[in-house]
Structure formats: C-alpha cells, structure tokens
Amino acid sequence: MAKHITTQEALALVKDGDHIVAGMAAAEGQEFFAHLHEISDRINHVTIDNCLPMRPYDFMVEAKFKDTFTINSWFFSGDLRKAFKNKNITFIPNQLHFAGMKRTEHQNPDLFVAAASMPDKHGYVSLSLSNVYEKHMAKQAKTVILEINPNFPRTHGDLELHENDVDYFVKTDYQAPELPDIEPNEKDEKIGGYIADMINDGDTIQLGIGGIPNAVANALMDKKDLGVHTEMLTTGFMKLFKSGAVNNSKKSLHKGKMVAAFALGTKELYDFIDDNPAVRIYDGNYVNDPCVIGQNDNQVSINTTIEVDLTGQCASESIGPMQFSGTGGQTDTATGAQRAKNGRSFITLYSTATPKDKETGERKTISKIVPTLKPGAAVSLSRNDVDHVVTEYGVANLRGTTIKERVERLIAIAHPDFREMLYEEARKLGYIE
C-alpha cells in the first residue's frame, strides 16, 4: 500500500540529477512544486518536465534557481514565456498523442508528481483532471507521488490507479486550478457564426482554448444531437450538454459518452464531471490518435493559429523562433477529423494583430495572413493538412486546392487593408501572375 507522507517528506526524496515529470495543467502537484525551490541548497541538476503549468512556481520563474533546475515543457504557459529569459527553459517538440510515449523512449522519470482524487473504499484513486500522459508516466516512473485532494473530481475512464501502484500519497486541500471563461468579442462571434453555419446536427466536436472556441460553443446552443470527442473538455462543452445541444446520441464511437484527454475550466465544470458516467477521460495516446478520431463519423475539429502563409502553412505555437505555446493536439485533431466520414477541420485566427514595434515601442497593425511565415517560425500544421481557414472576413476552403487557388481564397478573408499588399507579394513569390 502507498505510504502517506508530508510535502516535506516528499521533497526529501529528490536527489541530485533527478528527472521529475509533473501532471499536466490542473493535474500538477501544486504543494510539491510550490516548495521545490526550498531544497535548492542541497540538490543540483534537477530536471522537470511539465505541460501548461498553472502557477508561477519559484523554481520555474526565479532566475536565482536557474543553475539548479532545468524545465522542459510540452506546452508553454505565460509564466514560462516570461521566465524563458533565464535560459533554463526549453520546449519538447511533440504531437500530443505521442508526447508521453516518445518522451519515455528518450528518458524515463525518476519521480512522477501529480494531483488525484481521494482513494475510494477499494483503494483506487482517479487521476482526475488529466490523462494526456499521466497514467503512462505513473507506470514508467521509479517513484510515484500523488497529492490526493477532496476538491478534485473523481472522473471515469482509464485513469484509475490502485494504491498498490502508488508509492506515496500526500494529503492536500487546495482548490483545483480554474481557467475562467473568456468572453467572446465581436470578431470571435463572427468567426463562431461562420463555423456554426457549417456544423450539422449530429456532428461530433473538438474545441480548443480561448475566445474563438467559446464563441463557437455559444453559437452551437441551438444544434441538436451533438457529440464530443475532444482533447480538452471545457466549460463550453458543459454548457452545451446542459442546454441539450450535446447528448452524444449520434456518435459512431463511444456513443452516449463525452470523451476527452483532460479537463480544464471552471469549478462548475469540475462539479459537472465529478462521478459523471457520461464523461470519459481516456489516455491521450488513444483520444488524440488521428486514426481513433477518424472513427467518429462527422467529426469536426476547431483550433486556432497565430499566422497563416499564402500556401496554407500554419504557425500556431511560435512567433518566429520564439516559442509561444505548443503544438498540442492541433495536428492530431485536424488530421484526425479529415480522416472521418464527412469530417471537417477549421483553423481560426483574427485577420490582424497589433504587436509592439521593437524600435519605437508603439503598436502597429499587421496582417496575420502573410506572404511567408516569419523566419524561424514552427509550422504546426502543414499546408498539406489544412482544410478550412476562418477569419472575421469569412471562410477559405483549401481542401484539394492549388497554390494559386489558395492565394485567392486566403486573400479574400484577409483584412481589406492588406489585400493589395498580399497580391503584390504573391506575384513576387511566383504564386500568381
């Protein structure tokens, strides 16, 4: 049986050179990582792998700990972006369904630390809010430490662990991290409306994070018999279920169930998924496998990007060479949806952005549909895998199109102020005459 220990006793298990893996997003062990910096005087060369961390932990953001801790991340948060200047943070390129498996093929963790529900009368805990790579890491790690917490929902799926498979429990009582709903703006609502018009009753939906996905969810409230097969289960999906728009009755895979790899949202969402047999959180290697996604007839994937070039290449995770977020499941879900019978994939973005000019410090409006991506930009979704691109000016269907056709269609949904420039640059590049 797993031993019950304190946070300080858990930290005492960390040794020089250890490789620690944290649970993803809301599933990270907050007490352990909040105090990890306190043992910096007795350890060296400790590596932490994380994914979308929810708090600015001292070991991660304070420059004075940069020689002790190295942080490798599958998905950057705002705190990681700010701390990147410390030069002890790097990104792990990945497609999310392979993230855990490929990482352990390279390096197995010494410690796996995550949050979990309280054990039930049979000795089982639920990994609660994430199973993207968590159960896989628990099987591979030399030592498994779970922070059990009465505030974390007991979720169903294949994310249960028996206490015999856990080395140590640390009893905690903090609240599960929340992701507040972002209120959609006018551009979000326009984009959401375009997509909603192309979604049919009975479709199965995948959504990501942010104002645009929230606007899409709002625009789907009047639909019927929608299903959910998604990487991330959001508050928007809960609202669609409660409205009656989602009932999962027409799904061809896991009929009657909402399927996800992790959940992140409001407390209302966490209360909704607690002991809810209609929700299944399965291993991300399964949920995000494009071949599995493609088994859902009428699967629809909706994701966001940072910029798109005139051939359809999507830079969704970096601004030039600067890592901004992560690939996540964008390629998994976009290609998976297109494998499905009647499946569709949508990549969304605003037509413009207003970044600060590096020389003047003043904000300047730029087009997000560009002749070529910024030098060094990571291509998250290749032009071969892009289906529909949506801005507040409309939808560009790129399926099966030529470069020349793509140029015409993408410029048509660019901001009017930049269309002439884009045509001129397309001619210089030889895309059109």
Protein backbone atom coordinates (compact mmCIF):
# COMPACT_ATOMS: atom_id res chain seq x y z
CA MET A 1 0.00 0.00 0.00
CA ALA A 2 1.09 3.54 -0.67
CA LYS A 3 2.61 5.40 2.26
CA HIS A 4 1.10 8.66 3.47
CA ILE A 5 3.78 11.32 3.81
CA THR A 6 4.04 15.10 4.15
CA THR A 7 5.09 17.51 1.42
CA GLN A 8 8.46 17.96 3.13
CA GLU A 9 8.98 14.20 3.22
CA ALA A 10 8.13 14.05 -0.48
CA LEU A 11 10.70 16.74 -1.24
CA ALA A 12 13.29 14.80 0.74
CA LEU A 13 13.02 12.05 -1.89
CA VAL A 14 14.51 14.32 -4.58
CA LYS A 15 18.16 13.60 -5.35
CA ASP A 16 20.89 15.23 -7.46
CA GLY A 17 20.28 14.71 -11.17
CA ASP A 18 16.67 13.55 -10.80
CA HIS A 19 14.22 13.81 -13.68
CA ILE A 20 10.75 14.78 -12.43
CA VAL A 21 7.56 14.77 -14.51
CA ALA A 22 4.59 16.91 -13.45
CA GLY A 23 0.94 16.30 -14.19
CA MET A 24 -0.47 18.48 -16.96
CA ALA A 25 -2.20 21.81 -16.28
CA ALA A 26 -4.69 21.41 -13.40
CA ALA A 27 -3.25 17.96 -12.62
CA GLU A 28 0.15 19.21 -11.44
CA GLY A 29 1.03 18.56 -7.79
CA GLN A 30 0.82 22.13 -6.52
CA GLU A 31 2.16 21.62 -3.00
CA PHE A 32 5.25 19.74 -4.16
CA PHE A 33 6.15 22.23 -6.88
CA ALA A 34 5.32 25.28 -4.75
CA HIS A 35 8.02 24.18 -2.27
CA LEU A 36 10.52 22.55 -4.64
CA HIS A 37 12.78 25.61 -4.63
CA GLU A 38 13.27 25.24 -0.87
CA ILE A 39 15.63 22.28 -1.37
CA SER A 40 17.82 24.07 -3.92
CA ASP A 41 20.62 24.34 -1.35
CA ARG A 42 21.14 20.56 -1.24
CA ILE A 43 20.49 19.40 -4.84
CA ASN A 44 21.90 20.06 -8.30
CA HIS A 45 20.95 19.43 -11.92
CA VAL A 46 17.28 18.53 -11.37
CA THR A 47 15.11 18.43 -14.50
CA ILE A 48 11.35 18.99 -14.51
CA ASP A 49 9.09 18.15 -17.44
CA ASN A 50 5.76 19.98 -17.40
CA CYS A 51 2.90 20.93 -19.70
CA LEU A 52 0.86 24.16 -19.42
CA PRO A 53 1.80 24.88 -15.78
CA MET A 54 -0.89 26.85 -13.98
CA ARG A 55 1.20 28.72 -11.40
CA PRO A 56 4.44 30.79 -11.41
CA TYR A 57 6.38 28.40 -9.19
CA ASP A 58 9.57 29.87 -7.78
CA PHE A 59 11.81 27.06 -9.09
CA MET A 60 10.48 27.86 -12.56
CA VAL A 61 10.47 31.66 -12.74
CA GLU A 62 13.14 32.90 -10.31
CA ALA A 63 16.49 33.45 -12.03
CA LYS A 64 18.43 32.53 -8.88
CA PHE A 65 17.36 28.89 -9.30
CA LYS A 66 18.32 28.57 -12.96
CA ASP A 67 21.53 26.64 -12.26
CA THR A 68 19.68 24.10 -10.11
CA PHE A 69 16.54 23.43 -12.13
CA THR A 70 16.06 22.84 -15.85
CA ILE A 71 12.50 22.99 -17.17
CA ASN A 72 11.40 21.09 -20.27
CA SER A 73 7.85 21.76 -21.40
CA TRP A 74 5.44 20.21 -23.87
CA PHE A 75 3.35 23.43 -23.85
CA PHE A 76 4.41 26.89 -22.68
CA SER A 77 2.25 28.97 -20.37
CA GLY A 78 2.53 32.73 -19.94
CA ASP A 79 4.74 32.19 -16.89
CA LEU A 80 7.16 30.04 -18.89
CA ARG A 81 7.31 32.65 -21.66
CA LYS A 82 8.24 35.33 -19.14
CA ALA A 83 10.84 33.12 -17.46
CA PHE A 84 12.40 31.98 -20.74
CA LYS A 85 14.97 34.76 -20.41
CA ASN A 86 16.53 32.81 -17.53
CA LYS A 87 17.88 30.37 -20.14
CA ASN A 88 16.97 27.20 -18.24
CA ILE A 89 13.70 26.51 -20.08
CA THR A 90 13.31 24.61 -23.33
CA PHE A 91 10.48 23.14 -25.41
CA ILE A 92 9.79 19.49 -26.22
CA PRO A 93 8.50 19.30 -29.84
CA ASN A 94 5.62 16.84 -29.94
CA GLN A 95 2.30 15.73 -31.31
CA LEU A 96 0.29 15.40 -28.13
CA HIS A 97 -0.88 11.82 -28.60
CA PHE A 98 2.78 10.74 -28.73
CA ALA A 99 4.09 13.20 -26.11
CA GLY A 100 4.36 10.82 -23.17
CA MET A 101 5.40 7.72 -25.10
CA LYS A 102 8.18 9.38 -27.09
CA ARG A 103 9.49 11.17 -24.02
CA THR A 104 9.84 7.95 -22.04
CA GLU A 105 11.54 6.30 -25.02
CA HIS A 106 14.15 9.03 -24.59
CA GLN A 107 14.19 9.27 -20.78
CA ASN A 108 12.14 7.67 -18.00
CA PRO A 109 11.22 9.81 -14.98
CA ASP A 110 12.70 9.26 -11.55
CA LEU A 111 9.65 10.85 -9.96
CA PHE A 112 6.13 11.45 -11.25
CA VAL A 113 4.17 14.02 -9.21
CA ALA A 114 0.50 14.79 -9.88
CA ALA A 115 -2.85 15.57 -8.29
CA ALA A 116 -5.57 12.96 -7.80
CA SER A 117 -8.93 12.35 -6.18
CA MET A 118 -9.22 10.78 -2.76
CA PRO A 119 -8.93 6.96 -2.70
CA ASP A 120 -12.23 5.10 -2.75
CA LYS A 121 -13.16 2.19 -0.46
CA HIS A 122 -11.43 -0.21 -2.87
CA GLY A 123 -8.14 1.70 -2.78
CA TYR A 124 -8.43 3.31 -6.20
CA VAL A 125 -7.72 6.95 -7.00
CA SER A 126 -8.70 8.81 -10.15
CA LEU A 127 -6.06 10.96 -11.84
CA SER A 128 -8.98 13.36 -12.06
CA LEU A 129 -8.29 16.21 -14.47
CA SER A 130 -5.75 14.82 -16.92
CA ASN A 131 -4.77 11.57 -18.58
CA VAL A 132 -2.81 13.01 -21.51
CA TYR A 133 0.36 11.22 -20.37
CA GLU A 134 -0.19 10.83 -16.63
CA LYS A 135 -1.05 7.14 -16.32
CA HIS A 136 1.72 6.27 -18.74
CA MET A 137 4.22 8.24 -16.65
CA ALA A 138 2.96 6.60 -13.46
CA LYS A 139 3.75 3.21 -14.97
CA GLN A 140 7.23 4.26 -16.11
CA ALA A 141 8.43 6.34 -13.13
CA LYS A 142 10.68 4.89 -10.44
CA THR A 143 8.66 6.74 -7.77
CA VAL A 144 5.02 7.88 -7.98
CA ILE A 145 3.83 10.64 -5.66
CA LEU A 146 0.17 11.68 -5.79
CA GLU A 147 -1.31 14.66 -3.98
CA ILE A 148 -4.76 13.36 -3.05
CA ASN A 149 -7.33 16.09 -2.62
CA PRO A 150 -11.05 16.12 -1.72
CA ASN A 151 -11.57 19.14 -4.01
CA PHE A 152 -10.61 17.21 -7.15
CA PRO A 153 -13.37 15.42 -9.06
CA ARG A 154 -13.43 11.65 -9.40
CA THR A 155 -13.58 11.16 -13.15
CA HIS A 156 -14.22 7.98 -15.10
CA GLY A 157 -12.24 6.46 -17.96
CA ASP A 158 -8.96 4.58 -17.86
CA LEU A 159 -7.21 6.93 -15.44
CA GLU A 160 -7.69 4.97 -12.22
CA LEU A 161 -4.68 3.80 -10.21
CA HIS A 162 -4.74 1.37 -7.29
CA GLU A 163 -2.86 2.40 -4.18
CA ASN A 164 -0.56 -0.59 -4.70
CA ASP A 165 0.71 1.15 -7.86
CA VAL A 166 1.43 4.40 -6.00
CA ASP A 167 4.50 4.83 -3.82
CA TYR A 168 3.41 7.84 -1.75
CA PHE A 169 0.28 9.86 -1.05
CA VAL A 170 0.41 13.46 0.18
CA LYS A 171 -2.94 14.63 1.51
CA THR A 172 -3.74 18.20 0.39
CA ASP A 173 -6.73 20.54 0.42
CA TYR A 174 -6.19 23.24 -2.23
CA GLN A 175 -8.75 24.11 -4.91
CA ALA A 176 -8.37 22.71 -8.41
CA PRO A 177 -6.91 25.39 -10.72
CA GLU A 178 -9.56 27.07 -12.82
CA LEU A 179 -9.50 28.55 -16.31
CA PRO A 180 -12.01 31.41 -16.38
CA ASP A 181 -14.32 31.68 -19.36
CA ILE A 182 -13.05 34.26 -21.86
CA GLU A 183 -15.94 36.40 -23.00
CA PRO A 184 -16.04 36.35 -26.83
CA ASN A 185 -15.61 39.68 -28.59
CA GLU A 186 -17.19 40.81 -31.85
CA LYS A 187 -14.54 39.14 -34.00
CA ASP A 188 -14.88 35.89 -32.05
CA GLU A 189 -18.62 35.92 -32.56
CA LYS A 190 -18.31 36.46 -36.30
CA ILE A 191 -15.86 33.58 -36.61
CA GLY A 192 -18.02 31.41 -34.36
CA GLY A 193 -21.04 32.16 -36.50
CA TYR A 194 -19.29 31.16 -39.73
CA ILE A 195 -18.26 27.84 -38.22
CA ALA A 196 -21.63 27.15 -36.62
CA ASP A 197 -23.24 27.53 -40.04
CA MET A 198 -21.07 24.64 -41.27
CA ILE A 199 -21.82 22.33 -38.33
CA ASN A 200 -24.75 19.99 -38.64
CA ASP A 201 -27.00 18.35 -36.07
CA GLY A 202 -25.36 15.08 -35.01
CA ASP A 203 -21.76 16.21 -35.60
CA THR A 204 -19.04 15.32 -33.08
CA ILE A 205 -16.98 18.31 -31.94
CA GLN A 206 -13.45 19.12 -30.78
CA LEU A 207 -12.67 22.59 -29.42
CA GLY A 208 -9.58 24.28 -28.00
CA ILE A 209 -8.89 27.19 -25.64
CA GLY A 210 -9.86 30.86 -25.96
CA GLY A 211 -12.41 33.40 -27.09
CA ILE A 212 -12.96 31.90 -30.54
CA PRO A 213 -13.70 28.35 -29.28
CA ASN A 214 -16.00 29.85 -26.63
CA ALA A 215 -17.82 31.81 -29.34
CA VAL A 216 -18.21 28.62 -31.38
CA ALA A 217 -19.69 26.85 -28.34
CA ASN A 218 -22.13 29.73 -27.80
CA ALA A 219 -23.17 29.60 -31.47
CA LEU A 220 -23.97 25.89 -31.23
CA MET A 221 -26.58 26.12 -28.48
CA ASP A 222 -29.45 25.61 -30.93
CA LYS A 223 -27.94 22.50 -32.54
CA LYS A 224 -29.20 19.00 -31.78
CA ASP A 225 -27.63 15.63 -31.00
CA LEU A 226 -24.04 16.91 -30.97
CA GLY A 227 -21.28 14.65 -29.69
CA VAL A 228 -17.96 15.38 -28.01
CA HIS A 229 -14.59 13.78 -28.78
CA THR A 230 -12.00 16.36 -27.79
CA GLU A 231 -8.52 16.72 -26.41
CA MET A 232 -9.64 19.29 -23.81
CA LEU A 233 -13.01 19.23 -22.06
CA THR A 234 -14.02 22.85 -21.47
CA THR A 235 -16.74 24.74 -19.65
CA GLY A 236 -18.25 25.43 -23.08
CA PHE A 237 -18.89 21.72 -23.60
CA MET A 238 -20.59 21.52 -20.21
CA LYS A 239 -22.88 24.39 -21.20
CA LEU A 240 -23.72 22.67 -24.49
CA PHE A 241 -24.59 19.48 -22.61
CA LYS A 242 -26.78 21.31 -20.13
CA SER A 243 -28.52 23.19 -22.95
CA GLY A 244 -29.42 19.90 -24.62
CA ALA A 245 -27.35 20.56 -27.74
CA VAL A 246 -24.90 17.79 -26.76
CA ASN A 247 -26.26 14.34 -25.94
CA ASN A 248 -23.72 12.13 -27.78
CA SER A 249 -26.54 10.02 -29.20
CA LYS A 250 -25.30 10.07 -32.81
CA LYS A 251 -21.65 9.26 -32.17
CA SER A 252 -20.21 6.30 -34.01
CA LEU A 253 -17.50 5.81 -31.34
CA HIS A 254 -18.31 5.84 -27.61
CA LYS A 255 -21.98 6.56 -28.21
CA GLY A 256 -23.58 8.37 -25.29
CA LYS A 257 -20.25 9.50 -23.81
CA MET A 258 -18.26 12.73 -23.86
CA VAL A 259 -14.64 11.72 -24.47
CA ALA A 260 -11.58 13.84 -23.60
CA ALA A 261 -7.94 13.51 -22.54
CA PHE A 262 -8.04 16.28 -19.92
CA ALA A 263 -10.40 18.84 -18.41
CA LEU A 264 -9.68 22.48 -17.68
CA GLY A 265 -12.24 25.16 -16.89
CA THR A 266 -14.38 26.48 -14.07
CA LYS A 267 -15.42 24.89 -10.78
CA GLU A 268 -18.84 24.39 -12.35
CA LEU A 269 -17.17 22.16 -14.95
CA TYR A 270 -15.34 20.18 -12.27
CA ASP A 271 -18.58 19.67 -10.34
CA PHE A 272 -20.25 18.51 -13.56
CA ILE A 273 -17.64 15.86 -14.37
CA ASP A 274 -17.38 14.58 -10.79
CA ASP A 275 -18.55 10.94 -10.77
CA ASN A 276 -20.41 11.60 -14.06
CA PRO A 277 -20.76 8.38 -16.09
CA ALA A 278 -21.49 10.44 -19.23
CA VAL A 279 -17.87 11.73 -19.22
CA ARG A 280 -14.86 9.58 -20.03
CA ILE A 281 -11.26 10.79 -19.71
CA TYR A 282 -9.05 8.36 -21.60
CA ASP A 283 -5.33 8.13 -22.30
CA GLY A 284 -4.23 10.93 -24.63
CA ASN A 285 -2.38 8.39 -26.76
CA TYR A 286 -5.83 6.98 -27.58
CA VAL A 287 -8.05 10.07 -27.56
CA ASN A 288 -5.77 12.11 -29.81
CA ASP A 289 -4.71 9.33 -32.16
CA PRO A 290 -5.80 10.57 -35.62
CA CYS A 291 -6.81 7.01 -36.53
CA VAL A 292 -9.13 6.90 -33.50
CA ILE A 293 -10.52 10.39 -34.13
CA GLY A 294 -11.26 9.36 -37.71
CA GLN A 295 -13.59 6.62 -36.48
CA ASN A 296 -16.08 9.28 -35.42
CA ASP A 297 -18.36 9.96 -38.38
CA ASN A 298 -18.98 13.70 -38.85
CA GLN A 299 -16.05 14.70 -36.64
CA VAL A 300 -15.33 18.44 -36.59
CA SER A 301 -12.03 19.90 -35.34
CA ILE A 302 -11.75 23.60 -34.43
CA ASN A 303 -8.36 25.12 -33.50
CA THR A 304 -6.61 28.49 -33.53
CA THR A 305 -3.35 29.66 -35.08
CA ILE A 306 -1.01 32.66 -34.88
CA GLU A 307 -0.38 33.23 -38.58
CA VAL A 308 -1.04 31.52 -41.93
CA ASP A 309 1.00 31.95 -45.08
CA LEU A 310 -0.47 32.16 -48.58
CA THR A 311 0.10 28.45 -49.21
CA GLY A 312 -1.77 27.45 -46.04
CA GLN A 313 1.10 26.73 -43.64
CA CYS A 314 0.03 27.42 -40.03
CA ALA A 315 2.39 28.72 -37.36
CA SER A 316 0.32 28.03 -34.25
CA GLU A 317 2.92 27.78 -31.48
CA SER A 318 5.74 30.23 -32.15
CA ILE A 319 6.25 33.82 -33.25
CA GLY A 320 9.27 33.43 -35.47
CA PRO A 321 11.72 31.33 -33.42
CA MET A 322 10.20 32.41 -30.08
CA GLN A 323 8.19 29.58 -28.54
CA PHE A 324 4.78 30.94 -27.54
CA SER A 325 2.66 27.91 -26.62
CA GLY A 326 2.89 24.41 -28.09
CA THR A 327 1.76 22.15 -30.90
CA GLY A 328 -0.64 20.45 -28.52
CA GLY A 329 -3.17 18.34 -30.33
CA GLN A 330 -3.67 20.58 -33.35
CA THR A 331 -2.17 18.22 -35.90
CA ASP A 332 -3.73 15.20 -34.18
CA THR A 333 -7.24 16.59 -34.27
CA ALA A 334 -7.06 18.41 -37.61
CA THR A 335 -5.80 15.36 -39.48
CA GLY A 336 -7.99 13.00 -37.48
CA ALA A 337 -11.15 14.92 -38.34
CA GLN A 338 -10.32 14.79 -42.03
CA ARG A 339 -9.99 11.01 -41.81
CA ALA A 340 -13.60 10.79 -40.63
CA LYS A 341 -16.60 10.22 -42.86
CA ASN A 342 -17.96 13.74 -43.54
CA GLY A 343 -15.25 15.14 -41.24
CA ARG A 344 -14.09 18.75 -41.33
CA SER A 345 -11.29 20.76 -39.79
CA PHE A 346 -11.25 24.51 -39.13
CA ILE A 347 -8.23 26.70 -38.33
CA THR A 348 -9.24 30.11 -36.98
CA LEU A 349 -7.47 33.43 -36.47
CA TYR A 350 -8.13 37.16 -36.50
CA SER A 351 -7.15 38.84 -39.76
CA THR A 352 -4.82 41.28 -37.94
CA ALA A 353 -2.75 41.74 -34.80
CA THR A 354 -1.25 44.84 -33.15
CA PRO A 355 2.18 43.91 -31.71
CA LYS A 356 4.63 46.48 -30.39
CA ASP A 357 7.26 47.72 -32.81
CA LYS A 358 10.67 46.68 -31.43
CA GLU A 359 12.28 50.01 -32.41
CA THR A 360 9.58 52.53 -31.47
CA GLY A 361 7.68 50.59 -28.81
CA GLU A 362 4.43 51.67 -30.44
CA ARG A 363 1.77 49.23 -31.55
CA LYS A 364 1.45 48.57 -35.25
CA THR A 365 -1.32 46.72 -37.07
CA ILE A 366 -0.10 43.76 -39.13
CA SER A 367 -1.79 41.09 -41.21
CA LYS A 368 -1.93 37.58 -39.77
CA ILE A 369 -2.35 36.16 -43.25
CA VAL A 370 1.17 36.64 -44.60
CA PRO A 371 3.14 36.01 -47.80
CA THR A 372 5.62 33.82 -45.88
CA LEU A 373 5.85 32.87 -42.23
CA LYS A 374 8.26 34.77 -40.00
CA PRO A 375 11.82 33.40 -40.22
CA GLY A 376 12.24 30.58 -37.73
CA ALA A 377 8.51 30.01 -37.22
CA ALA A 378 7.48 26.46 -36.37
CA VAL A 379 4.96 25.00 -38.82
CA SER A 380 2.41 23.39 -36.50
CA LEU A 381 0.06 22.30 -39.28
CA SER A 382 1.49 21.77 -42.73
CA ARG A 383 -0.24 23.13 -45.81
CA ASN A 384 -0.96 19.52 -46.78
CA ASP A 385 -3.16 19.12 -43.68
CA VAL A 386 -5.10 22.41 -43.68
CA ASP A 387 -8.79 22.16 -44.53
CA HIS A 388 -10.75 25.37 -43.77
CA VAL A 389 -9.26 28.67 -42.58
CA VAL A 390 -11.61 31.17 -40.92
CA THR A 391 -11.23 34.86 -40.03
CA GLU A 392 -13.82 37.51 -39.23
CA TYR A 393 -14.00 38.10 -43.02
CA GLY A 394 -15.13 34.61 -43.95
CA VAL A 395 -14.11 31.02 -44.67
CA ALA A 396 -11.41 29.81 -47.08
CA ASN A 397 -11.94 26.19 -48.07
CA LEU A 398 -8.47 24.92 -49.03
CA ARG A 399 -9.32 21.24 -49.41
CA GLY A 400 -7.80 19.92 -52.62
CA THR A 401 -6.84 23.37 -53.90
CA THR A 402 -3.79 24.56 -55.83
CA ILE A 403 -1.35 27.17 -54.56
CA LYS A 404 -2.91 29.73 -56.90
CA GLU A 405 -6.41 28.95 -55.60
CA ARG A 406 -5.19 29.13 -52.02
CA VAL A 407 -3.69 32.57 -52.59
CA GLU A 408 -7.01 33.86 -53.97
CA ARG A 409 -9.10 32.31 -51.19
CA LEU A 410 -6.86 33.33 -48.31
CA ILE A 411 -6.51 36.92 -49.53
CA ALA A 412 -10.31 37.08 -49.74
CA ILE A 413 -10.55 36.55 -45.97
CA ALA A 414 -7.58 38.80 -45.09
CA HIS A 415 -8.19 42.32 -43.78
CA PRO A 416 -9.08 44.61 -46.72
CA ASP A 417 -6.23 46.99 -45.85
CA PHE A 418 -3.66 44.27 -46.62
CA ARG A 419 -5.14 42.54 -49.65
CA GLU A 420 -3.33 44.62 -52.26
CA MET A 421 0.00 44.05 -50.50
CA LEU A 422 -0.65 40.32 -50.33
CA TYR A 423 -1.43 40.15 -54.05
CA GLU A 424 1.77 42.05 -54.82
CA GLU A 425 3.87 39.74 -52.65
CA ALA A 426 2.19 36.66 -54.11
CA ARG A 427 3.26 37.82 -57.58
CA LYS A 428 6.85 38.37 -56.40
CA LEU A 429 6.88 34.84 -54.99
CA GLY A 430 5.60 33.44 -58.26
CA TYR A 431 2.38 32.09 -56.78
CA ILE A 432 0.20 34.04 -59.21
CA GLU A 433 0.75 36.13 -62.36
